[in-house]
Amino acid sequence: MIGDPQVDALQRREKAILAQQEKARSTHTQILSRGHQFPAHLGMGEGDLLNWMKFQAFEISGGFTDTKMVQFSNTGLGFAALPIPAGVQASYDQSWNQTEVGQFKQLAVRGVETLAGGRNIANFLRGAGFEGGSSESMAARGAQQFGGMSFGQEGTAAVLQSTGVAETMQFTMGMRALDQVMMSYGGPAFRSFNFSFALKPLNQEDSIVIDDILQFFKIAAAPFKLQTQMTRLYDLPNVFKISFHNGNDENTWLPKIGHCALTNVGVTYGGDKFTTFDKTRGMPVQTDLTLQFKEMELIDRTHFIRGDEFADVGSVATSEVEGEMDAAS
């Protein structure tokens, strides 16, 4: 039996582990709660610096609420602001795939079509109610589904195909029985976004800001590992909302982007030929940053009818960035 001194030692060790985890989490939160921008005069004056983009960090707050699988916190954490790079793209992929429809599946579908009618079912799912129709309309649907069918021919072909005999005997019969095929819609796809930045500091202060931005993205994209031994246990990484701006206004000509997971942070140090500033203990003269995001919200037709993909993107306050720009001026 474990004595009291051993129990006390275990409790002290557990408290020490929890305190260490909380200290590390607090340090990460401080980094993620700050605003970072490069260069200092971003969004002011004329030229390329007038156009900038904001990466606002958010926490995942839950799931399975309303129509979303994932819920996000209403209050953003810190942010990073950078010039808009060349080649901003947005693709809107829709999944269409060829699928086989076997005989038994077809019989089931034709039976449901006869009894209820596909359009009636669709109207019910849209909330318009269900109208099965009269026996005459059911008879008409049955005639449409089965009227031109030769059951002997269809049954023989179904047996040959389902048992695999059709494949083996295709050359002796001189014909091949195959399942019917159709194009099946699989829904919209999650969008991917890639952004590349060539960050060139002019002085030591710029190098420190760039390093802070790198830390911000790397920490936000990484999970926080709890100190468990038998199981890997992680707090989820942060997610981002990305917005484009022209001066102090949001740029409505560029695509709206929903909450995104940061799937990759790529960093190349020193430029084409690795070079550092003199007397800085090795600060690189250039740092290339590549960010890869996967959007976590699906886009349907209603987003385009509203006039943009995500109407709430503009609700993310940009006062922090604008305040820093005003201070810099």
C-alpha atoms as a PDB file:
ATOM      1  CA  MET A   1       0.000   0.000   0.000  1.00  0.00           C
ATOM      2  CA  ILE A   2       1.305   3.478  -0.847  1.00  0.00           C
ATOM      3  CA  GLY A   3       2.170   5.486   2.229  1.00  0.00           C
ATOM      4  CA  ASP A   4       1.301   9.112   2.843  1.00  0.00           C
ATOM      5  CA  PRO A   5       4.797  10.436   1.919  1.00  0.00           C
ATOM      6  CA  GLN A   6       4.576   8.721  -1.463  1.00  0.00           C
ATOM      7  CA  VAL A   7       1.084  10.100  -2.069  1.00  0.00           C
ATOM      8  CA  ASP A   8       2.308  13.599  -1.190  1.00  0.00           C
ATOM      9  CA  ALA A   9       5.268  13.205  -3.540  1.00  0.00           C
ATOM     10  CA  LEU A  10       2.988  12.142  -6.400  1.00  0.00           C
ATOM     11  CA  GLN A  11       0.649  15.071  -5.770  1.00  0.00           C
ATOM     12  CA  ARG A  12       3.551  17.524  -5.686  1.00  0.00           C
ATOM     13  CA  ARG A  13       4.888  16.108  -8.958  1.00  0.00           C
ATOM     14  CA  GLU A  14       1.466  16.404 -10.604  1.00  0.00           C
ATOM     15  CA  LYS A  15       1.108  20.001  -9.417  1.00  0.00           C
ATOM     16  CA  ALA A  16       4.596  20.804 -10.741  1.00  0.00           C
ATOM     17  CA  ILE A  17       3.727  19.349 -14.152  1.00  0.00           C
ATOM     18  CA  LEU A  18       0.463  21.295 -14.337  1.00  0.00           C
ATOM     19  CA  ALA A  19       2.233  24.499 -13.261  1.00  0.00           C
ATOM     20  CA  GLN A  20       4.893  23.987 -15.934  1.00  0.00           C
ATOM     21  CA  GLN A  21       2.219  23.418 -18.585  1.00  0.00           C
ATOM     22  CA  GLU A  22       0.327  26.523 -17.511  1.00  0.00           C
ATOM     23  CA  LYS A  23       3.496  28.631 -17.612  1.00  0.00           C
ATOM     24  CA  ALA A  24       4.288  27.434 -21.141  1.00  0.00           C
ATOM     25  CA  ARG A  25       0.699  28.026 -22.258  1.00  0.00           C
ATOM     26  CA  SER A  26       0.810  31.560 -20.786  1.00  0.00           C
ATOM     27  CA  THR A  27       4.026  32.324 -22.684  1.00  0.00           C
ATOM     28  CA  HIS A  28       2.484  31.149 -25.952  1.00  0.00           C
ATOM     29  CA  THR A  29      -0.680  33.166 -25.301  1.00  0.00           C
ATOM     30  CA  GLN A  30       1.378  36.332 -24.839  1.00  0.00           C
ATOM     31  CA  ILE A  31       3.012  35.815 -28.229  1.00  0.00           C
ATOM     32  CA  LEU A  32      -0.301  35.022 -29.919  1.00  0.00           C
ATOM     33  CA  SER A  33      -2.103  38.003 -28.357  1.00  0.00           C
ATOM     34  CA  ARG A  34       0.124  40.673 -29.906  1.00  0.00           C
ATOM     35  CA  GLY A  35      -0.153  42.402 -33.255  1.00  0.00           C
ATOM     36  CA  HIS A  36       2.681  42.148 -35.782  1.00  0.00           C
ATOM     37  CA  GLN A  37       3.143  44.030 -39.026  1.00  0.00           C
ATOM     38  CA  PHE A  38       5.903  44.396 -41.594  1.00  0.00           C
ATOM     39  CA  PRO A  39       6.972  46.819 -42.894  1.00  0.00           C
ATOM     40  CA  ALA A  40       6.245  49.571 -40.382  1.00  0.00           C
ATOM     41  CA  HIS A  41       4.451  51.877 -42.866  1.00  0.00           C
ATOM     42  CA  LEU A  42       2.173  49.163 -44.223  1.00  0.00           C
ATOM     43  CA  GLY A  43      -1.124  50.508 -45.567  1.00  0.00           C
ATOM     44  CA  MET A  44      -0.022  54.139 -45.829  1.00  0.00           C
ATOM     45  CA  GLY A  45       0.946  56.365 -48.737  1.00  0.00           C
ATOM     46  CA  GLU A  46       0.903  54.996 -52.267  1.00  0.00           C
ATOM     47  CA  GLY A  47       2.222  51.987 -54.119  1.00  0.00           C
ATOM     48  CA  ASP A  48       2.469  48.356 -53.106  1.00  0.00           C
ATOM     49  CA  LEU A  49       2.480  49.025 -49.358  1.00  0.00           C
ATOM     50  CA  LEU A  50      -1.039  50.460 -49.620  1.00  0.00           C
ATOM     51  CA  ASN A  51      -2.341  46.931 -50.225  1.00  0.00           C
ATOM     52  CA  TRP A  52      -1.984  44.601 -47.278  1.00  0.00           C
ATOM     53  CA  MET A  53      -3.527  41.498 -45.780  1.00  0.00           C
ATOM     54  CA  LYS A  54      -4.335  40.501 -42.235  1.00  0.00           C
ATOM     55  CA  PHE A  55      -4.045  37.082 -40.617  1.00  0.00           C
ATOM     56  CA  GLN A  56      -6.208  37.135 -37.474  1.00  0.00           C
ATOM     57  CA  ALA A  57      -5.766  34.198 -35.095  1.00  0.00           C
ATOM     58  CA  PHE A  58      -8.799  32.554 -33.486  1.00  0.00           C
ATOM     59  CA  GLU A  59      -9.417  29.666 -31.118  1.00  0.00           C
ATOM     60  CA  ILE A  60     -11.685  26.720 -31.901  1.00  0.00           C
ATOM     61  CA  SER A  61     -14.457  26.977 -29.332  1.00  0.00           C
ATOM     62  CA  GLY A  62     -16.629  23.939 -30.075  1.00  0.00           C
ATOM     63  CA  GLY A  63     -18.514  22.008 -32.710  1.00  0.00           C
ATOM     64  CA  PHE A  64     -21.821  20.564 -33.911  1.00  0.00           C
ATOM     65  CA  THR A  65     -23.818  23.755 -33.416  1.00  0.00           C
ATOM     66  CA  ASP A  66     -26.334  25.085 -35.937  1.00  0.00           C
ATOM     67  CA  THR A  67     -25.096  24.216 -39.424  1.00  0.00           C
ATOM     68  CA  LYS A  68     -21.366  24.161 -38.672  1.00  0.00           C
ATOM     69  CA  MET A  69     -19.240  21.222 -37.653  1.00  0.00           C
ATOM     70  CA  VAL A  70     -16.697  23.562 -36.027  1.00  0.00           C
ATOM     71  CA  GLN A  71     -17.335  26.701 -34.002  1.00  0.00           C
ATOM     72  CA  PHE A  72     -14.838  29.513 -33.536  1.00  0.00           C
ATOM     73  CA  SER A  73     -14.376  32.079 -30.800  1.00  0.00           C
ATOM     74  CA  ASN A  74     -15.988  35.463 -31.406  1.00  0.00           C
ATOM     75  CA  THR A  75     -12.953  37.353 -30.141  1.00  0.00           C
ATOM     76  CA  GLY A  76      -9.780  37.171 -32.184  1.00  0.00           C
ATOM     77  CA  LEU A  77      -6.331  36.802 -30.681  1.00  0.00           C
ATOM     78  CA  GLY A  78      -3.306  38.503 -32.197  1.00  0.00           C
ATOM     79  CA  PHE A  79      -2.676  39.137 -35.863  1.00  0.00           C
ATOM     80  CA  ALA A  80       0.015  39.520 -38.482  1.00  0.00           C
ATOM     81  CA  ALA A  81      -0.199  42.102 -41.247  1.00  0.00           C
ATOM     82  CA  LEU A  82       1.885  41.769 -44.413  1.00  0.00           C
ATOM     83  CA  PRO A  83       1.874  43.197 -47.963  1.00  0.00           C
ATOM     84  CA  ILE A  84      -0.408  41.364 -50.397  1.00  0.00           C
ATOM     85  CA  PRO A  85       1.865  39.087 -52.472  1.00  0.00           C
ATOM     86  CA  ALA A  86       1.610  38.556 -56.213  1.00  0.00           C
ATOM     87  CA  GLY A  87      -0.691  35.916 -57.613  1.00  0.00           C
ATOM     88  CA  VAL A  88      -3.584  35.855 -55.143  1.00  0.00           C
ATOM     89  CA  GLN A  89      -5.867  33.041 -56.309  1.00  0.00           C
ATOM     90  CA  ALA A  90      -9.127  31.430 -55.287  1.00  0.00           C
ATOM     91  CA  SER A  91     -10.543  28.226 -56.771  1.00  0.00           C
ATOM     92  CA  TYR A  92     -14.059  26.898 -56.318  1.00  0.00           C
ATOM     93  CA  ASP A  93     -13.930  23.147 -56.799  1.00  0.00           C
ATOM     94  CA  GLN A  94     -17.028  20.980 -57.024  1.00  0.00           C
ATOM     95  CA  SER A  95     -16.813  17.218 -56.635  1.00  0.00           C
ATOM     96  CA  TRP A  96     -18.357  15.211 -59.476  1.00  0.00           C
ATOM     97  CA  ASN A  97     -17.455  11.526 -59.706  1.00  0.00           C
ATOM     98  CA  GLN A  98     -18.426   8.533 -61.813  1.00  0.00           C
ATOM     99  CA  THR A  99     -20.222   5.925 -59.736  1.00  0.00           C
ATOM    100  CA  GLU A 100     -21.657   2.508 -60.551  1.00  0.00           C
ATOM    101  CA  VAL A 101     -25.339   1.789 -59.975  1.00  0.00           C
ATOM    102  CA  GLY A 102     -26.028  -1.920 -59.580  1.00  0.00           C
ATOM    103  CA  GLN A 103     -29.261  -3.691 -60.422  1.00  0.00           C
ATOM    104  CA  PHE A 104     -30.501  -4.105 -56.861  1.00  0.00           C
ATOM    105  CA  LYS A 105     -29.855  -0.463 -56.080  1.00  0.00           C
ATOM    106  CA  GLN A 106     -31.761   0.504 -59.223  1.00  0.00           C
ATOM    107  CA  LEU A 107     -34.722  -1.674 -58.245  1.00  0.00           C
ATOM    108  CA  ALA A 108     -34.834  -0.037 -54.814  1.00  0.00           C
ATOM    109  CA  VAL A 109     -34.675   3.456 -56.320  1.00  0.00           C
ATOM    110  CA  ARG A 110     -37.350   2.681 -58.917  1.00  0.00           C
ATOM    111  CA  GLY A 111     -39.593   1.279 -56.169  1.00  0.00           C
ATOM    112  CA  VAL A 112     -39.210   4.402 -54.038  1.00  0.00           C
ATOM    113  CA  GLU A 113     -39.816   6.563 -57.108  1.00  0.00           C
ATOM    114  CA  THR A 114     -43.031   4.656 -57.804  1.00  0.00           C
ATOM    115  CA  LEU A 115     -44.362   4.841 -54.246  1.00  0.00           C
ATOM    116  CA  ALA A 116     -43.355   8.387 -53.325  1.00  0.00           C
ATOM    117  CA  GLY A 117     -41.766  10.196 -56.230  1.00  0.00           C
ATOM    118  CA  GLY A 118     -38.304  11.739 -56.051  1.00  0.00           C
ATOM    119  CA  ARG A 119     -39.582  15.290 -56.416  1.00  0.00           C
ATOM    120  CA  ASN A 120     -42.063  14.777 -53.606  1.00  0.00           C
ATOM    121  CA  ILE A 121     -39.244  13.626 -51.347  1.00  0.00           C
ATOM    122  CA  ALA A 122     -37.150  16.626 -52.389  1.00  0.00           C
ATOM    123  CA  ASN A 123     -40.027  19.006 -51.623  1.00  0.00           C
ATOM    124  CA  PHE A 124     -40.402  17.410 -48.194  1.00  0.00           C
ATOM    125  CA  LEU A 125     -36.679  17.880 -47.468  1.00  0.00           C
ATOM    126  CA  ARG A 126     -36.969  21.537 -48.520  1.00  0.00           C
ATOM    127  CA  GLY A 127     -39.775  22.006 -45.998  1.00  0.00           C
ATOM    128  CA  ALA A 128     -42.585  22.277 -48.554  1.00  0.00           C
ATOM    129  CA  GLY A 129     -44.482  19.264 -47.236  1.00  0.00           C
ATOM    130  CA  PHE A 130     -45.088  15.860 -48.756  1.00  0.00           C
ATOM    131  CA  GLU A 131     -47.666  15.047 -51.407  1.00  0.00           C
ATOM    132  CA  GLY A 132     -47.777  11.388 -52.309  1.00  0.00           C
ATOM    133  CA  GLY A 133     -50.386  11.881 -54.992  1.00  0.00           C
ATOM    134  CA  SER A 134     -53.298   9.672 -56.043  1.00  0.00           C
ATOM    135  CA  SER A 135     -53.217   6.017 -56.998  1.00  0.00           C
ATOM    136  CA  GLU A 136     -53.397   7.123 -60.635  1.00  0.00           C
ATOM    137  CA  SER A 137     -50.224   9.196 -60.296  1.00  0.00           C
ATOM    138  CA  MET A 138     -48.537   6.266 -58.536  1.00  0.00           C
ATOM    139  CA  ALA A 139     -49.564   3.994 -61.387  1.00  0.00           C
ATOM    140  CA  ALA A 140     -48.191   6.466 -63.891  1.00  0.00           C
ATOM    141  CA  ARG A 141     -44.875   6.607 -62.069  1.00  0.00           C
ATOM    142  CA  GLY A 142     -44.768   2.796 -61.949  1.00  0.00           C
ATOM    143  CA  ALA A 143     -45.389   2.568 -65.670  1.00  0.00           C
ATOM    144  CA  GLN A 144     -42.635   5.075 -66.298  1.00  0.00           C
ATOM    145  CA  GLN A 145     -40.155   3.145 -64.145  1.00  0.00           C
ATOM    146  CA  PHE A 146     -41.000  -0.443 -65.103  1.00  0.00           C
ATOM    147  CA  GLY A 147     -43.197  -0.247 -68.222  1.00  0.00           C
ATOM    148  CA  GLY A 148     -40.451  -0.608 -70.822  1.00  0.00           C
ATOM    149  CA  MET A 149     -38.496  -3.233 -68.912  1.00  0.00           C
ATOM    150  CA  SER A 150     -38.064  -6.865 -70.020  1.00  0.00           C
ATOM    151  CA  PHE A 151     -37.810  -8.647 -66.695  1.00  0.00           C
ATOM    152  CA  GLY A 152     -36.401 -11.839 -68.183  1.00  0.00           C
ATOM    153  CA  GLN A 153     -33.640  -9.989 -69.992  1.00  0.00           C
ATOM    154  CA  GLU A 154     -32.930  -7.664 -67.055  1.00  0.00           C
ATOM    155  CA  GLY A 155     -32.960 -10.549 -64.539  1.00  0.00           C
ATOM    156  CA  THR A 156     -30.575 -12.687 -66.577  1.00  0.00           C
ATOM    157  CA  ALA A 157     -28.142  -9.799 -67.030  1.00  0.00           C
ATOM    158  CA  ALA A 158     -28.334  -8.984 -63.326  1.00  0.00           C
ATOM    159  CA  VAL A 159     -27.488 -12.573 -62.331  1.00  0.00           C
ATOM    160  CA  LEU A 160     -24.594 -12.718 -64.795  1.00  0.00           C
ATOM    161  CA  GLN A 161     -23.139  -9.432 -63.547  1.00  0.00           C
ATOM    162  CA  SER A 162     -23.676  -9.958 -59.811  1.00  0.00           C
ATOM    163  CA  THR A 163     -22.108 -13.445 -59.839  1.00  0.00           C
ATOM    164  CA  GLY A 164     -19.108 -12.449 -61.943  1.00  0.00           C
ATOM    165  CA  VAL A 165     -20.055 -14.830 -64.750  1.00  0.00           C
ATOM    166  CA  ALA A 166     -20.512 -11.926 -67.178  1.00  0.00           C
ATOM    167  CA  GLU A 167     -16.814 -11.117 -66.983  1.00  0.00           C
ATOM    168  CA  THR A 168     -15.701 -14.713 -67.457  1.00  0.00           C
ATOM    169  CA  MET A 169     -18.066 -15.466 -70.359  1.00  0.00           C
ATOM    170  CA  GLN A 170     -17.774 -12.170 -72.220  1.00  0.00           C
ATOM    171  CA  PHE A 171     -15.782 -13.712 -75.076  1.00  0.00           C
ATOM    172  CA  THR A 172     -17.900 -16.850 -75.406  1.00  0.00           C
ATOM    173  CA  MET A 173     -21.115 -14.776 -75.354  1.00  0.00           C
ATOM    174  CA  GLY A 174     -19.684 -11.963 -77.429  1.00  0.00           C
ATOM    175  CA  MET A 175     -21.153  -9.396 -75.070  1.00  0.00           C
ATOM    176  CA  ARG A 176     -20.408  -7.862 -71.682  1.00  0.00           C
ATOM    177  CA  ALA A 177     -22.872  -7.067 -68.890  1.00  0.00           C
ATOM    178  CA  LEU A 178     -21.860  -4.065 -66.780  1.00  0.00           C
ATOM    179  CA  ASP A 179     -23.458  -2.037 -64.033  1.00  0.00           C
ATOM    180  CA  GLN A 180     -24.982   1.253 -65.115  1.00  0.00           C
ATOM    181  CA  VAL A 181     -22.865   4.304 -64.359  1.00  0.00           C
ATOM    182  CA  MET A 182     -23.796   7.873 -63.562  1.00  0.00           C
ATOM    183  CA  MET A 183     -22.161  11.120 -62.572  1.00  0.00           C
ATOM    184  CA  SER A 184     -22.720  11.696 -58.875  1.00  0.00           C
ATOM    185  CA  TYR A 185     -22.352  15.040 -57.130  1.00  0.00           C
ATOM    186  CA  GLY A 186     -20.175  14.920 -54.004  1.00  0.00           C
ATOM    187  CA  GLY A 187     -20.494  18.493 -52.758  1.00  0.00           C
ATOM    188  CA  PRO A 188     -18.199  21.523 -52.715  1.00  0.00           C
ATOM    189  CA  ALA A 189     -14.553  21.091 -51.756  1.00  0.00           C
ATOM    190  CA  PHE A 190     -12.611  22.907 -49.080  1.00  0.00           C
ATOM    191  CA  ARG A 191     -10.497  25.620 -50.676  1.00  0.00           C
ATOM    192  CA  SER A 192      -6.720  25.858 -50.328  1.00  0.00           C
ATOM    193  CA  PHE A 193      -4.740  29.111 -50.229  1.00  0.00           C
ATOM    194  CA  ASN A 194      -0.999  29.604 -50.561  1.00  0.00           C
ATOM    195  CA  PHE A 195       0.840  32.868 -49.916  1.00  0.00           C
ATOM    196  CA  SER A 196       4.553  33.576 -50.329  1.00  0.00           C
ATOM    197  CA  PHE A 197       6.368  36.589 -48.912  1.00  0.00           C
ATOM    198  CA  ALA A 198       9.934  37.827 -49.429  1.00  0.00           C
ATOM    199  CA  LEU A 199      10.681  39.729 -46.203  1.00  0.00           C
ATOM    200  CA  LYS A 200      13.739  41.992 -46.536  1.00  0.00           C
ATOM    201  CA  PRO A 201      14.701  43.900 -43.379  1.00  0.00           C
ATOM    202  CA  LEU A 202      16.461  47.246 -43.662  1.00  0.00           C
ATOM    203  CA  ASN A 203      17.834  47.268 -40.136  1.00  0.00           C
ATOM    204  CA  GLN A 204      18.077  45.242 -36.949  1.00  0.00           C
ATOM    205  CA  GLU A 205      14.639  46.372 -35.751  1.00  0.00           C
ATOM    206  CA  ASP A 206      13.066  45.022 -38.938  1.00  0.00           C
ATOM    207  CA  SER A 207      14.833  41.681 -38.410  1.00  0.00           C
ATOM    208  CA  ILE A 208      13.363  41.412 -34.908  1.00  0.00           C
ATOM    209  CA  VAL A 209       9.845  42.156 -36.222  1.00  0.00           C
ATOM    210  CA  ILE A 210      10.217  39.506 -38.941  1.00  0.00           C
ATOM    211  CA  ASP A 211      11.376  36.960 -36.366  1.00  0.00           C
ATOM    212  CA  ASP A 212       8.336  37.799 -34.214  1.00  0.00           C
ATOM    213  CA  ILE A 213       6.058  37.204 -37.226  1.00  0.00           C
ATOM    214  CA  LEU A 214       7.676  33.820 -37.863  1.00  0.00           C
ATOM    215  CA  GLN A 215       7.204  32.870 -34.223  1.00  0.00           C
ATOM    216  CA  PHE A 216       3.579  34.001 -34.360  1.00  0.00           C
ATOM    217  CA  PHE A 217       2.720  31.735 -37.280  1.00  0.00           C
ATOM    218  CA  LYS A 218       4.744  28.746 -36.062  1.00  0.00           C
ATOM    219  CA  ILE A 219       3.241  28.839 -32.579  1.00  0.00           C
ATOM    220  CA  ALA A 220      -0.324  29.418 -33.831  1.00  0.00           C
ATOM    221  CA  ALA A 221      -0.086  26.511 -36.302  1.00  0.00           C
ATOM    222  CA  ALA A 222       1.327  24.070 -33.753  1.00  0.00           C
ATOM    223  CA  PRO A 223      -0.605  22.202 -31.057  1.00  0.00           C
ATOM    224  CA  PHE A 224       0.215  22.425 -27.365  1.00  0.00           C
ATOM    225  CA  LYS A 225       1.295  19.018 -26.074  1.00  0.00           C
ATOM    226  CA  LEU A 226       0.214  18.047 -22.600  1.00  0.00           C
ATOM    227  CA  GLN A 227       2.663  16.067 -20.519  1.00  0.00           C
ATOM    228  CA  THR A 228       1.057  12.657 -20.787  1.00  0.00           C
ATOM    229  CA  GLN A 229       3.137   9.507 -21.200  1.00  0.00           C
ATOM    230  CA  MET A 230       0.875   6.742 -22.487  1.00  0.00           C
ATOM    231  CA  THR A 231      -1.131   8.896 -24.911  1.00  0.00           C
ATOM    232  CA  ARG A 232      -0.276  11.958 -26.993  1.00  0.00           C
ATOM    233  CA  LEU A 233      -2.677  14.655 -25.854  1.00  0.00           C
ATOM    234  CA  TYR A 234      -2.788  18.034 -27.629  1.00  0.00           C
ATOM    235  CA  ASP A 235      -4.649  21.295 -27.355  1.00  0.00           C
ATOM    236  CA  LEU A 236      -5.823  22.150 -30.869  1.00  0.00           C
ATOM    237  CA  PRO A 237      -3.843  24.711 -32.900  1.00  0.00           C
ATOM    238  CA  ASN A 238      -5.258  28.141 -33.631  1.00  0.00           C
ATOM    239  CA  VAL A 239      -7.043  28.931 -36.874  1.00  0.00           C
ATOM    240  CA  PHE A 240      -6.953  32.093 -38.967  1.00  0.00           C
ATOM    241  CA  LYS A 241      -9.284  34.454 -40.711  1.00  0.00           C
ATOM    242  CA  ILE A 242      -7.654  36.128 -43.688  1.00  0.00           C
ATOM    243  CA  SER A 243      -8.740  39.497 -45.062  1.00  0.00           C
ATOM    244  CA  PHE A 244      -7.416  41.834 -47.749  1.00  0.00           C
ATOM    245  CA  HIS A 245      -7.199  45.616 -47.330  1.00  0.00           C
ATOM    246  CA  ASN A 246      -6.479  48.770 -49.289  1.00  0.00           C
ATOM    247  CA  GLY A 247      -5.330  51.477 -46.900  1.00  0.00           C
ATOM    248  CA  ASN A 248      -7.773  51.496 -43.998  1.00  0.00           C
ATOM    249  CA  ASP A 249     -10.576  49.871 -46.006  1.00  0.00           C
ATOM    250  CA  GLU A 250     -11.232  46.227 -46.705  1.00  0.00           C
ATOM    251  CA  ASN A 251     -10.635  45.352 -50.346  1.00  0.00           C
ATOM    252  CA  THR A 252     -13.973  44.092 -51.661  1.00  0.00           C
ATOM    253  CA  TRP A 253     -12.507  43.210 -55.062  1.00  0.00           C
ATOM    254  CA  LEU A 254     -10.572  40.262 -53.688  1.00  0.00           C
ATOM    255  CA  PRO A 255     -12.129  37.004 -52.437  1.00  0.00           C
ATOM    256  CA  LYS A 256     -13.496  36.642 -48.938  1.00  0.00           C
ATOM    257  CA  ILE A 257     -11.952  33.794 -46.984  1.00  0.00           C
ATOM    258  CA  GLY A 258     -13.500  31.933 -44.051  1.00  0.00           C
ATOM    259  CA  HIS A 259     -11.699  30.447 -41.072  1.00  0.00           C
ATOM    260  CA  CYS A 260      -8.634  28.515 -42.200  1.00  0.00           C
ATOM    261  CA  ALA A 261      -6.300  25.961 -40.703  1.00  0.00           C
ATOM    262  CA  LEU A 262      -2.627  26.777 -41.242  1.00  0.00           C
ATOM    263  CA  THR A 263      -1.320  23.471 -42.594  1.00  0.00           C
ATOM    264  CA  ASN A 264       2.276  24.439 -43.390  1.00  0.00           C
ATOM    265  CA  VAL A 265       4.735  27.201 -42.488  1.00  0.00           C
ATOM    266  CA  GLY A 266       7.752  27.223 -44.792  1.00  0.00           C
ATOM    267  CA  VAL A 267      10.742  29.449 -44.061  1.00  0.00           C
ATOM    268  CA  THR A 268      13.832  30.010 -46.223  1.00  0.00           C
ATOM    269  CA  TYR A 269      16.626  32.057 -44.665  1.00  0.00           C
ATOM    270  CA  GLY A 270      19.207  34.277 -46.324  1.00  0.00           C
ATOM    271  CA  GLY A 271      17.873  34.739 -49.849  1.00  0.00           C
ATOM    272  CA  ASP A 272      19.224  33.086 -53.018  1.00  0.00           C
ATOM    273  CA  LYS A 273      22.752  33.182 -51.587  1.00  0.00           C
ATOM    274  CA  PHE A 274      22.791  32.938 -47.827  1.00  0.00           C
ATOM    275  CA  THR A 275      23.869  36.353 -46.539  1.00  0.00           C
ATOM    276  CA  THR A 276      23.679  38.010 -43.132  1.00  0.00           C
ATOM    277  CA  PHE A 277      24.063  41.555 -41.839  1.00  0.00           C
ATOM    278  CA  ASP A 278      27.464  42.499 -40.411  1.00  0.00           C
ATOM    279  CA  LYS A 279      27.835  42.752 -36.655  1.00  0.00           C
ATOM    280  CA  THR A 280      24.411  41.251 -35.929  1.00  0.00           C
ATOM    281  CA  ARG A 281      25.526  37.744 -34.975  1.00  0.00           C
ATOM    282  CA  GLY A 282      24.023  36.330 -38.159  1.00  0.00           C
ATOM    283  CA  MET A 283      20.727  38.102 -38.895  1.00  0.00           C
ATOM    284  CA  PRO A 284      19.756  37.084 -42.485  1.00  0.00           C
ATOM    285  CA  VAL A 285      19.316  39.835 -45.076  1.00  0.00           C
ATOM    286  CA  GLN A 286      16.170  38.148 -46.389  1.00  0.00           C
ATOM    287  CA  THR A 287      13.607  35.674 -45.077  1.00  0.00           C
ATOM    288  CA  ASP A 288      11.142  33.989 -47.433  1.00  0.00           C
ATOM    289  CA  LEU A 289       7.896  32.909 -45.782  1.00  0.00           C
ATOM    290  CA  THR A 290       5.376  30.519 -47.375  1.00  0.00           C
ATOM    291  CA  LEU A 291       2.012  29.870 -45.727  1.00  0.00           C
ATOM    292  CA  GLN A 292      -0.403  27.135 -46.783  1.00  0.00           C
ATOM    293  CA  PHE A 293      -4.000  27.267 -45.552  1.00  0.00           C
ATOM    294  CA  LYS A 294      -7.000  24.965 -45.828  1.00  0.00           C
ATOM    295  CA  GLU A 295     -10.378  26.661 -45.453  1.00  0.00           C
ATOM    296  CA  MET A 296     -12.611  25.040 -42.817  1.00  0.00           C
ATOM    297  CA  GLU A 297     -15.967  26.374 -44.085  1.00  0.00           C
ATOM    298  CA  LEU A 298     -17.722  25.153 -47.217  1.00  0.00           C
ATOM    299  CA  ILE A 299     -19.073  27.637 -49.746  1.00  0.00           C
ATOM    300  CA  ASP A 300     -22.520  27.128 -51.260  1.00  0.00           C
ATOM    301  CA  ARG A 301     -24.659  29.179 -53.640  1.00  0.00           C
ATOM    302  CA  THR A 302     -26.064  31.445 -50.922  1.00  0.00           C
ATOM    303  CA  HIS A 303     -22.617  32.929 -50.281  1.00  0.00           C
ATOM    304  CA  PHE A 304     -22.476  34.261 -53.839  1.00  0.00           C
ATOM    305  CA  ILE A 305     -26.061  35.514 -53.773  1.00  0.00           C
ATOM    306  CA  ARG A 306     -25.096  37.645 -50.771  1.00  0.00           C
ATOM    307  CA  GLY A 307     -22.390  39.175 -52.899  1.00  0.00           C
ATOM    308  CA  ASP A 308     -19.416  37.664 -51.117  1.00  0.00           C
ATOM    309  CA  GLU A 309     -18.272  34.354 -49.749  1.00  0.00           C
ATOM    310  CA  PHE A 310     -18.299  35.244 -46.060  1.00  0.00           C
ATOM    311  CA  ALA A 311     -20.207  38.359 -45.047  1.00  0.00           C
ATOM    312  CA  ASP A 312     -18.839  38.306 -41.512  1.00  0.00           C
ATOM    313  CA  VAL A 313     -15.180  38.572 -42.526  1.00  0.00           C
ATOM    314  CA  GLY A 314     -15.382  42.346 -42.417  1.00  0.00           C
ATOM    315  CA  SER A 315     -16.646  42.243 -38.852  1.00  0.00           C
ATOM    316  CA  VAL A 316     -13.181  41.361 -37.578  1.00  0.00           C
ATOM    317  CA  ALA A 317     -11.939  44.604 -36.089  1.00  0.00           C
ATOM    318  CA  THR A 318      -8.951  46.140 -37.819  1.00  0.00           C
ATOM    319  CA  SER A 319      -8.473  48.870 -35.232  1.00  0.00           C
ATOM    320  CA  GLU A 320      -5.299  47.228 -33.908  1.00  0.00           C
ATOM    321  CA  VAL A 321      -3.587  47.395 -37.285  1.00  0.00           C
ATOM    322  CA  GLU A 322      -4.858  50.873 -38.034  1.00  0.00           C
ATOM    323  CA  GLY A 323      -3.738  52.067 -34.603  1.00  0.00           C
ATOM    324  CA  GLU A 324      -0.231  50.816 -35.208  1.00  0.00           C
ATOM    325  CA  MET A 325      -0.182  52.446 -38.649  1.00  0.00           C
ATOM    326  CA  ASP A 326      -1.295  55.774 -37.174  1.00  0.00           C
ATOM    327  CA  ALA A 327       1.346  55.482 -34.473  1.00  0.00           C
ATOM    328  CA  ALA A 328       4.009  54.756 -37.073  1.00  0.00           C
ATOM    329  CA  SER A 329       3.062  57.880 -39.015  1.00  0.00           C
END
